[in-house]
Amino acid sequence: ATITSGISTHYAEDVKGRFTISRDNAKNTVWLQMN
């Protein structure tokens, strides 16, 4: 998964619907929630 500073996202096909990527630009932090 990838996420831009504009919050555009991309996921691998086999994780779509299960994983969610997010970020905080001010903190330069990214998370990957995996369900």
PDB file of all heavy atoms in Angstrom:
ATOM      1  N   ALA A   1       0.844  -1.190   0.000  1.00  0.00           N
ATOM      2  CA  ALA A   1       0.000   0.000   0.000  1.00  0.00           C
ATOM      3  C   ALA A   1       0.875   1.234   0.000  1.00  0.00           C
ATOM      4  O   ALA A   1       1.985   1.227   0.523  1.00  0.00           O
ATOM      5  CB  ALA A   1      -0.938   0.017   1.208  1.00  0.00           C
ATOM      6  N   THR A   2       0.355   2.294  -0.588  1.00  0.00           N
ATOM      7  CA  THR A   2       1.054   3.563  -0.590  1.00  0.00           C
ATOM      8  C   THR A   2       0.043   4.683  -0.448  1.00  0.00           C
ATOM      9  O   THR A   2      -1.126   4.533  -0.818  1.00  0.00           O
ATOM     10  CB  THR A   2       1.888   3.739  -1.877  1.00  0.00           C
ATOM     11  OG1 THR A   2       2.699   4.915  -1.778  1.00  0.00           O
ATOM     12  CG2 THR A   2       0.985   3.857  -3.096  1.00  0.00           C
ATOM     13  N   ILE A   3       0.498   5.791   0.094  1.00  0.00           N
ATOM     14  CA  ILE A   3      -0.363   6.953   0.270  1.00  0.00           C
ATOM     15  C   ILE A   3       0.476   8.200   0.054  1.00  0.00           C
ATOM     16  O   ILE A   3       1.600   8.306   0.546  1.00  0.00           O
ATOM     17  CB  ILE A   3      -1.044   6.947   1.656  1.00  0.00           C
ATOM     18  CG1 ILE A   3      -2.004   8.129   1.800  1.00  0.00           C
ATOM     19  CG2 ILE A   3      -0.014   6.920   2.781  1.00  0.00           C
ATOM     20  CD1 ILE A   3      -2.907   8.013   3.014  1.00  0.00           C
ATOM     21  N   THR A   4      -0.067   9.142  -0.702  1.00  0.00           N
ATOM     22  CA  THR A   4       0.637  10.381  -0.986  1.00  0.00           C
ATOM     23  C   THR A   4       0.261  11.451   0.027  1.00  0.00           C
ATOM     24  O   THR A   4      -0.647  11.277   0.840  1.00  0.00           O
ATOM     25  CB  THR A   4       0.323  10.893  -2.394  1.00  0.00           C
ATOM     26  OG1 THR A   4      -1.038  11.344  -2.445  1.00  0.00           O
ATOM     27  CG2 THR A   4       0.531   9.802  -3.433  1.00  0.00           C
ATOM     28  N   SER A   5       0.967  12.568  -0.049  1.00  0.00           N
ATOM     29  CA  SER A   5       0.656  13.686   0.837  1.00  0.00           C
ATOM     30  C   SER A   5      -0.729  14.249   0.562  1.00  0.00           C
ATOM     31  O   SER A   5      -1.299  14.908   1.428  1.00  0.00           O
ATOM     32  CB  SER A   5       1.709  14.788   0.693  1.00  0.00           C
ATOM     33  OG  SER A   5       1.788  15.254  -0.644  1.00  0.00           O
ATOM     34  N   GLY A   6      -1.251  13.992  -0.636  1.00  0.00           N
ATOM     35  CA  GLY A   6      -2.603  14.382  -0.975  1.00  0.00           C
ATOM     36  C   GLY A   6      -3.635  13.341  -0.624  1.00  0.00           C
ATOM     37  O   GLY A   6      -4.794  13.469  -1.024  1.00  0.00           O
ATOM     38  N   ILE A   7      -3.236  12.306   0.085  1.00  0.00           N
ATOM     39  CA  ILE A   7      -4.087  11.232   0.597  1.00  0.00           C
ATOM     40  C   ILE A   7      -4.647  10.368  -0.538  1.00  0.00           C
ATOM     41  O   ILE A   7      -5.702   9.740  -0.395  1.00  0.00           O
ATOM     42  CB  ILE A   7      -5.216  11.771   1.503  1.00  0.00           C
ATOM     43  CG1 ILE A   7      -4.710  12.924   2.371  1.00  0.00           C
ATOM     44  CG2 ILE A   7      -5.746  10.668   2.413  1.00  0.00           C
ATOM     45  CD1 ILE A   7      -3.571  12.515   3.293  1.00  0.00           C
ATOM     46  N   SER A   8      -3.957  10.319  -1.657  1.00  0.00           N
ATOM     47  CA  SER A   8      -4.272   9.341  -2.681  1.00  0.00           C
ATOM     48  C   SER A   8      -3.656   8.001  -2.286  1.00  0.00           C
ATOM     49  O   SER A   8      -2.509   7.952  -1.832  1.00  0.00           O
ATOM     50  CB  SER A   8      -3.724   9.795  -4.029  1.00  0.00           C
ATOM     51  OG  SER A   8      -3.958   8.825  -5.026  1.00  0.00           O
ATOM     52  N   THR A   9      -4.406   6.923  -2.448  1.00  0.00           N
ATOM     53  CA  THR A   9      -3.950   5.618  -1.980  1.00  0.00           C
ATOM     54  C   THR A   9      -3.920   4.587  -3.092  1.00  0.00           C
ATOM     55  O   THR A   9      -4.609   4.702  -4.110  1.00  0.00           O
ATOM     56  CB  THR A   9      -4.846   5.084  -0.852  1.00  0.00           C
ATOM     57  OG1 THR A   9      -6.189   4.949  -1.334  1.00  0.00           O
ATOM     58  CG2 THR A   9      -4.834   6.026   0.339  1.00  0.00           C
ATOM     59  N   HIS A  10      -3.110   3.574  -2.885  1.00  0.00           N
ATOM     60  CA  HIS A  10      -3.032   2.430  -3.773  1.00  0.00           C
ATOM     61  C   HIS A  10      -2.824   1.195  -2.921  1.00  0.00           C
ATOM     62  O   HIS A  10      -2.040   1.216  -1.971  1.00  0.00           O
ATOM     63  CB  HIS A  10      -1.884   2.581  -4.774  1.00  0.00           C
ATOM     64  CG  HIS A  10      -1.593   1.325  -5.528  1.00  0.00           C
ATOM     65  ND1 HIS A  10      -2.326   0.935  -6.617  1.00  0.00           N
ATOM     66  CD2 HIS A  10      -0.658   0.352  -5.329  1.00  0.00           C
ATOM     67  CE1 HIS A  10      -1.863  -0.218  -7.069  1.00  0.00           C
ATOM     68  NE2 HIS A  10      -0.853  -0.590  -6.308  1.00  0.00           N
ATOM     69  N   TYR A  11      -3.509   0.117  -3.281  1.00  0.00           N
ATOM     70  CA  TYR A  11      -3.389  -1.144  -2.568  1.00  0.00           C
ATOM     71  C   TYR A  11      -3.115  -2.278  -3.530  1.00  0.00           C
ATOM     72  O   TYR A  11      -3.600  -2.286  -4.663  1.00  0.00           O
ATOM     73  CB  TYR A  11      -4.678  -1.473  -1.808  1.00  0.00           C
ATOM     74  CG  TYR A  11      -5.051  -0.496  -0.734  1.00  0.00           C
ATOM     75  CD1 TYR A  11      -5.902   0.568  -0.996  1.00  0.00           C
ATOM     76  CD2 TYR A  11      -4.551  -0.639   0.558  1.00  0.00           C
ATOM     77  CE1 TYR A  11      -6.258   1.461  -0.005  1.00  0.00           C
ATOM     78  CE2 TYR A  11      -4.898   0.254   1.557  1.00  0.00           C
ATOM     79  CZ  TYR A  11      -5.757   1.303   1.265  1.00  0.00           C
ATOM     80  OH  TYR A  11      -6.096   2.181   2.263  1.00  0.00           O
ATOM     81  N   ALA A  12      -2.357  -3.236  -3.063  1.00  0.00           N
ATOM     82  CA  ALA A  12      -2.233  -4.481  -3.805  1.00  0.00           C
ATOM     83  C   ALA A  12      -3.591  -5.158  -3.881  1.00  0.00           C
ATOM     84  O   ALA A  12      -4.413  -5.043  -2.964  1.00  0.00           O
ATOM     85  CB  ALA A  12      -1.220  -5.402  -3.125  1.00  0.00           C
ATOM     86  N   GLU A  13      -3.832  -5.860  -4.972  1.00  0.00           N
ATOM     87  CA  GLU A  13      -5.142  -6.456  -5.197  1.00  0.00           C
ATOM     88  C   GLU A  13      -5.537  -7.427  -4.083  1.00  0.00           C
ATOM     89  O   GLU A  13      -6.710  -7.472  -3.691  1.00  0.00           O
ATOM     90  CB  GLU A  13      -5.177  -7.172  -6.548  1.00  0.00           C
ATOM     91  CG  GLU A  13      -5.163  -6.241  -7.746  1.00  0.00           C
ATOM     92  CD  GLU A  13      -6.403  -5.369  -7.820  1.00  0.00           C
ATOM     93  OE1 GLU A  13      -7.492  -5.838  -7.435  1.00  0.00           O
ATOM     94  OE2 GLU A  13      -6.281  -4.212  -8.263  1.00  0.00           O
ATOM     95  N   ASP A  14      -4.598  -8.171  -3.573  1.00  0.00           N
ATOM     96  CA  ASP A  14      -4.944  -9.185  -2.585  1.00  0.00           C
ATOM     97  C   ASP A  14      -5.126  -8.644  -1.170  1.00  0.00           C
ATOM     98  O   ASP A  14      -5.421  -9.421  -0.254  1.00  0.00           O
ATOM     99  CB  ASP A  14      -3.916 -10.326  -2.587  1.00  0.00           C
ATOM    100  CG  ASP A  14      -2.501  -9.868  -2.369  1.00  0.00           C
ATOM    101  OD1 ASP A  14      -2.260  -8.651  -2.278  1.00  0.00           O
ATOM    102  OD2 ASP A  14      -1.619 -10.749  -2.288  1.00  0.00           O
ATOM    103  N   VAL A  15      -4.968  -7.340  -0.977  1.00  0.00           N
ATOM    104  CA  VAL A  15      -5.236  -6.762   0.339  1.00  0.00           C
ATOM    105  C   VAL A  15      -6.378  -5.761   0.318  1.00  0.00           C
ATOM    106  O   VAL A  15      -6.783  -5.270   1.383  1.00  0.00           O
ATOM    107  CB  VAL A  15      -3.983  -6.099   0.954  1.00  0.00           C
ATOM    108  CG1 VAL A  15      -2.810  -7.075   0.949  1.00  0.00           C
ATOM    109  CG2 VAL A  15      -3.628  -4.812   0.226  1.00  0.00           C
ATOM    110  N   LYS A  16      -6.900  -5.457  -0.848  1.00  0.00           N
ATOM    111  CA  LYS A  16      -8.007  -4.512  -0.943  1.00  0.00           C
ATOM    112  C   LYS A  16      -9.206  -5.002  -0.135  1.00  0.00           C
ATOM    113  O   LYS A  16      -9.572  -6.163  -0.191  1.00  0.00           O
ATOM    114  CB  LYS A  16      -8.418  -4.304  -2.399  1.00  0.00           C
ATOM    115  CG  LYS A  16      -7.450  -3.475  -3.214  1.00  0.00           C
ATOM    116  CD  LYS A  16      -7.962  -3.260  -4.631  1.00  0.00           C
ATOM    117  CE  LYS A  16      -7.023  -2.385  -5.436  1.00  0.00           C
ATOM    118  NZ  LYS A  16      -7.496  -2.191  -6.829  1.00  0.00           N
ATOM    119  N   GLY A  17      -9.783  -4.088   0.609  1.00  0.00           N
ATOM    120  CA  GLY A  17     -10.917  -4.425   1.453  1.00  0.00           C
ATOM    121  C   GLY A  17     -10.537  -4.932   2.818  1.00  0.00           C
ATOM    122  O   GLY A  17     -11.395  -5.004   3.708  1.00  0.00           O
ATOM    123  N   ARG A  18      -9.278  -5.294   3.009  1.00  0.00           N
ATOM    124  CA  ARG A  18      -8.813  -5.799   4.295  1.00  0.00           C
ATOM    125  C   ARG A  18      -7.834  -4.850   4.976  1.00  0.00           C
ATOM    126  O   ARG A  18      -7.824  -4.752   6.206  1.00  0.00           O
ATOM    127  CB  ARG A  18      -8.149  -7.169   4.129  1.00  0.00           C
ATOM    128  CG  ARG A  18      -9.079  -8.233   3.567  1.00  0.00           C
ATOM    129  CD  ARG A  18      -8.429  -9.620   3.596  1.00  0.00           C
ATOM    130  NE  ARG A  18      -7.222  -9.681   2.780  1.00  0.00           N
ATOM    131  CZ  ARG A  18      -6.002  -9.921   3.254  1.00  0.00           C
ATOM    132  NH1 ARG A  18      -5.824 -10.142   4.555  1.00  0.00           N
ATOM    133  NH2 ARG A  18      -4.962  -9.972   2.434  1.00  0.00           N
ATOM    134  N   PHE A  19      -7.009  -4.177   4.188  1.00  0.00           N
ATOM    135  CA  PHE A  19      -6.004  -3.267   4.727  1.00  0.00           C
ATOM    136  C   PHE A  19      -6.408  -1.828   4.446  1.00  0.00           C
ATOM    137  O   PHE A  19      -7.001  -1.527   3.405  1.00  0.00           O
ATOM    138  CB  PHE A  19      -4.638  -3.511   4.091  1.00  0.00           C
ATOM    139  CG  PHE A  19      -3.982  -4.819   4.458  1.00  0.00           C
ATOM    140  CD1 PHE A  19      -4.655  -5.809   5.157  1.00  0.00           C
ATOM    141  CD2 PHE A  19      -2.661  -5.045   4.083  1.00  0.00           C
ATOM    142  CE1 PHE A  19      -4.054  -7.006   5.481  1.00  0.00           C
ATOM    143  CE2 PHE A  19      -2.043  -6.241   4.403  1.00  0.00           C
ATOM    144  CZ  PHE A  19      -2.733  -7.225   5.103  1.00  0.00           C
ATOM    145  N   THR A  20      -6.040  -0.942   5.347  1.00  0.00           N
ATOM    146  CA  THR A  20      -6.277   0.479   5.175  1.00  0.00           C
ATOM    147  C   THR A  20      -5.024   1.250   5.558  1.00  0.00           C
ATOM    148  O   THR A  20      -4.502   1.070   6.658  1.00  0.00           O
ATOM    149  CB  THR A  20      -7.457   0.964   6.025  1.00  0.00           C
ATOM    150  OG1 THR A  20      -8.636   0.234   5.689  1.00  0.00           O
ATOM    151  CG2 THR A  20      -7.709   2.453   5.782  1.00  0.00           C
ATOM    152  N   ILE A  21      -4.563   2.098   4.653  1.00  0.00           N
ATOM    153  CA  ILE A  21      -3.394   2.914   4.925  1.00  0.00           C
ATOM    154  C   ILE A  21      -3.847   4.342   5.214  1.00  0.00           C
ATOM    155  O   ILE A  21      -4.795   4.842   4.603  1.00  0.00           O
ATOM    156  CB  ILE A  21      -2.386   2.871   3.759  1.00  0.00           C
ATOM    157  CG1 ILE A  21      -1.071   3.543   4.149  1.00  0.00           C
ATOM    158  CG2 ILE A  21      -2.969   3.493   2.496  1.00  0.00           C
ATOM    159  CD1 ILE A  21       0.057   3.297   3.145  1.00  0.00           C
ATOM    160  N   SER A  22      -3.174   4.985   6.142  1.00  0.00           N
ATOM    161  CA  SER A  22      -3.474   6.363   6.486  1.00  0.00           C
ATOM    162  C   SER A  22      -2.194   7.062   6.909  1.00  0.00           C
ATOM    163  O   SER A  22      -1.180   6.408   7.187  1.00  0.00           O
ATOM    164  CB  SER A  22      -4.530   6.442   7.599  1.00  0.00           C
ATOM    165  OG  SER A  22      -4.077   5.791   8.771  1.00  0.00           O
ATOM    166  N   ARG A  23      -2.229   8.382   6.960  1.00  0.00           N
ATOM    167  CA  ARG A  23      -1.036   9.126   7.353  1.00  0.00           C
ATOM    168  C   ARG A  23      -1.408  10.453   7.986  1.00  0.00           C
ATOM    169  O   ARG A  23      -2.513  10.972   7.785  1.00  0.00           O
ATOM    170  CB  ARG A  23      -0.102   9.361   6.158  1.00  0.00           C
ATOM    171  CG  ARG A  23      -0.660  10.294   5.094  1.00  0.00           C
ATOM    172  CD  ARG A  23       0.302  10.422   3.908  1.00  0.00           C
ATOM    173  NE  ARG A  23       1.465  11.249   4.217  1.00  0.00           N
ATOM    174  CZ  ARG A  23       2.469  11.475   3.372  1.00  0.00           C
ATOM    175  NH1 ARG A  23       2.467  10.901   2.164  1.00  0.00           N
ATOM    176  NH2 ARG A  23       3.484  12.250   3.728  1.00  0.00           N
ATOM    177  N   ASP A  24      -0.464  10.975   8.730  1.00  0.00           N
ATOM    178  CA  ASP A  24      -0.545  12.298   9.306  1.00  0.00           C
ATOM    179  C   ASP A  24       0.640  13.070   8.753  1.00  0.00           C
ATOM    180  O   ASP A  24       1.783  12.820   9.135  1.00  0.00           O
ATOM    181  CB  ASP A  24      -0.501  12.235  10.836  1.00  0.00           C
ATOM    182  CG  ASP A  24      -0.693  13.582  11.498  1.00  0.00           C
ATOM    183  OD1 ASP A  24      -0.282  14.612  10.931  1.00  0.00           O
ATOM    184  OD2 ASP A  24      -1.260  13.608  12.610  1.00  0.00           O
ATOM    185  N   ASN A  25       0.372  13.994   7.846  1.00  0.00           N
ATOM    186  CA  ASN A  25       1.453  14.725   7.193  1.00  0.00           C
ATOM    187  C   ASN A  25       2.268  15.564   8.178  1.00  0.00           C
ATOM    188  O   ASN A  25       3.484  15.687   8.041  1.00  0.00           O
ATOM    189  CB  ASN A  25       0.892  15.629   6.095  1.00  0.00           C
ATOM    190  CG  ASN A  25       0.358  14.848   4.918  1.00  0.00           C
ATOM    191  OD1 ASN A  25       0.751  13.707   4.675  1.00  0.00           O
ATOM    192  ND2 ASN A  25      -0.543  15.466   4.166  1.00  0.00           N
ATOM    193  N   ALA A  26       1.603  16.141   9.154  1.00  0.00           N
ATOM    194  CA  ALA A  26       2.294  16.977  10.120  1.00  0.00           C
ATOM    195  C   ALA A  26       3.283  16.180  10.959  1.00  0.00           C
ATOM    196  O   ALA A  26       4.325  16.694  11.365  1.00  0.00           O
ATOM    197  CB  ALA A  26       1.291  17.690  11.021  1.00  0.00           C
ATOM    198  N   LYS A  27       2.947  14.930  11.224  1.00  0.00           N
ATOM    199  CA  LYS A  27       3.806  14.075  12.040  1.00  0.00           C
ATOM    200  C   LYS A  27       4.690  13.153  11.217  1.00  0.00           C
ATOM    201  O   LYS A  27       5.493  12.409  11.789  1.00  0.00           O
ATOM    202  CB  LYS A  27       2.958  13.236  12.994  1.00  0.00           C
ATOM    203  CG  LYS A  27       2.174  14.051  14.008  1.00  0.00           C
ATOM    204  CD  LYS A  27       1.376  13.139  14.933  1.00  0.00           C
ATOM    205  CE  LYS A  27       0.625  13.949  15.973  1.00  0.00           C
ATOM    206  NZ  LYS A  27      -0.174  13.062  16.877  1.00  0.00           N
ATOM    207  N   ASN A  28       4.541  13.189   9.887  1.00  0.00           N
ATOM    208  CA  ASN A  28       5.279  12.284   9.004  1.00  0.00           C
ATOM    209  C   ASN A  28       5.150  10.838   9.468  1.00  0.00           C
ATOM    210  O   ASN A  28       6.134  10.097   9.555  1.00  0.00           O
ATOM    211  CB  ASN A  28       6.750  12.698   8.911  1.00  0.00           C
ATOM    212  CG  ASN A  28       6.958  13.911   8.024  1.00  0.00           C
ATOM    213  OD1 ASN A  28       6.201  14.149   7.086  1.00  0.00           O
ATOM    214  ND2 ASN A  28       7.996  14.680   8.316  1.00  0.00           N
ATOM    215  N   THR A  29       3.932  10.463   9.743  1.00  0.00           N
ATOM    216  CA  THR A  29       3.638   9.137  10.245  1.00  0.00           C
ATOM    217  C   THR A  29       2.627   8.448   9.334  1.00  0.00           C
ATOM    218  O   THR A  29       1.688   9.085   8.852  1.00  0.00           O
ATOM    219  CB  THR A  29       3.088   9.206  11.679  1.00  0.00           C
ATOM    220  OG1 THR A  29       4.061   9.820  12.529  1.00  0.00           O
ATOM    221  CG2 THR A  29       2.775   7.819  12.215  1.00  0.00           C
ATOM    222  N   VAL A  30       2.835   7.172   9.114  1.00  0.00           N
ATOM    223  CA  VAL A  30       1.926   6.372   8.309  1.00  0.00           C
ATOM    224  C   VAL A  30       1.545   5.125   9.086  1.00  0.00           C
ATOM    225  O   VAL A  30       2.361   4.567   9.833  1.00  0.00           O
ATOM    226  CB  VAL A  30       2.562   6.016   6.942  1.00  0.00           C
ATOM    227  CG1 VAL A  30       3.812   5.158   7.123  1.00  0.00           C
ATOM    228  CG2 VAL A  30       1.554   5.315   6.041  1.00  0.00           C
ATOM    229  N   TRP A  31       0.301   4.708   8.937  1.00  0.00           N
ATOM    230  CA  TRP A  31      -0.207   3.510   9.581  1.00  0.00           C
ATOM    231  C   TRP A  31      -0.763   2.557   8.537  1.00  0.00           C
ATOM    232  O   TRP A  31      -1.236   2.962   7.480  1.00  0.00           O
ATOM    233  CB  TRP A  31      -1.323   3.845  10.567  1.00  0.00           C
ATOM    234  CG  TRP A  31      -0.929   4.729  11.696  1.00  0.00           C
ATOM    235  CD1 TRP A  31      -0.455   4.340  12.914  1.00  0.00           C
ATOM    236  CD2 TRP A  31      -0.987   6.158  11.731  1.00  0.00           C
ATOM    237  NE1 TRP A  31      -0.218   5.439  13.711  1.00  0.00           N
ATOM    238  CE2 TRP A  31      -0.534   6.569  12.998  1.00  0.00           C
ATOM    239  CE3 TRP A  31      -1.374   7.137  10.809  1.00  0.00           C
ATOM    240  CZ2 TRP A  31      -0.458   7.902  13.380  1.00  0.00           C
ATOM    241  CZ3 TRP A  31      -1.302   8.468  11.181  1.00  0.00           C
ATOM    242  CH2 TRP A  31      -0.852   8.837  12.441  1.00  0.00           C
ATOM    243  N   LEU A  32      -0.719   1.294   8.861  1.00  0.00           N
ATOM    244  CA  LEU A  32      -1.348   0.280   8.044  1.00  0.00           C
ATOM    245  C   LEU A  32      -2.206  -0.584   8.949  1.00  0.00           C
ATOM    246  O   LEU A  32      -1.680  -1.373   9.741  1.00  0.00           O
ATOM    247  CB  LEU A  32      -0.316  -0.579   7.314  1.00  0.00           C
ATOM    248  CG  LEU A  32      -0.891  -1.601   6.336  1.00  0.00           C
ATOM    249  CD1 LEU A  32      -1.572  -0.903   5.161  1.00  0.00           C
ATOM    250  CD2 LEU A  32       0.195  -2.545   5.827  1.00  0.00           C
ATOM    251  N   GLN A  33      -3.515  -0.414   8.841  1.00  0.00           N
ATOM    252  CA  GLN A  33      -4.455  -1.230   9.585  1.00  0.00           C
ATOM    253  C   GLN A  33      -4.734  -2.488   8.785  1.00  0.00           C
ATOM    254  O   GLN A  33      -5.217  -2.414   7.655  1.00  0.00           O
ATOM    255  CB  GLN A  33      -5.754  -0.463   9.845  1.00  0.00           C
ATOM    256  CG  GLN A  33      -6.808  -1.254  10.596  1.00  0.00           C
ATOM    257  CD  GLN A  33      -6.400  -1.563  12.015  1.00  0.00           C
ATOM    258  OE1 GLN A  33      -5.899  -0.686  12.721  1.00  0.00           O
ATOM    259  NE2 GLN A  33      -6.597  -2.804  12.440  1.00  0.00           N
ATOM    260  N   MET A  34      -4.445  -3.633   9.363  1.00  0.00           N
ATOM    261  CA  MET A  34      -4.586  -4.906   8.680  1.00  0.00           C
ATOM    262  C   MET A  34      -5.641  -5.736   9.393  1.00  0.00           C
ATOM    263  O   MET A  34      -5.455  -6.125  10.547  1.00  0.00           O
ATOM    264  CB  MET A  34      -3.253  -5.650   8.632  1.00  0.00           C
ATOM    265  CG  MET A  34      -2.125  -4.846   7.994  1.00  0.00           C
ATOM    266  SD  MET A  34      -0.589  -5.797   7.830  1.00  0.00           S
ATOM    267  CE  MET A  34      -0.173  -6.019   9.559  1.00  0.00           C
ATOM    268  N   ASN A  35      -6.731  -5.996   8.708  1.00  0.00           N
ATOM    269  CA  ASN A  35      -7.823  -6.793   9.244  1.00  0.00           C
ATOM    270  C   ASN A  35      -7.977  -8.074   8.445  1.00  0.00           C
ATOM    271  O   ASN A  35      -7.491  -8.194   7.327  1.00  0.00           O
ATOM    272  CB  ASN A  35      -9.135  -6.003   9.211  1.00  0.00           C
ATOM    273  CG  ASN A  35      -9.100  -4.757  10.051  1.00  0.00           C
ATOM    274  OD1 ASN A  35      -8.462  -4.714  11.103  1.00  0.00           O
ATOM    275  ND2 ASN A  35      -9.809  -3.723   9.604  1.00  0.00           N
TER     276      ASN A  35
END
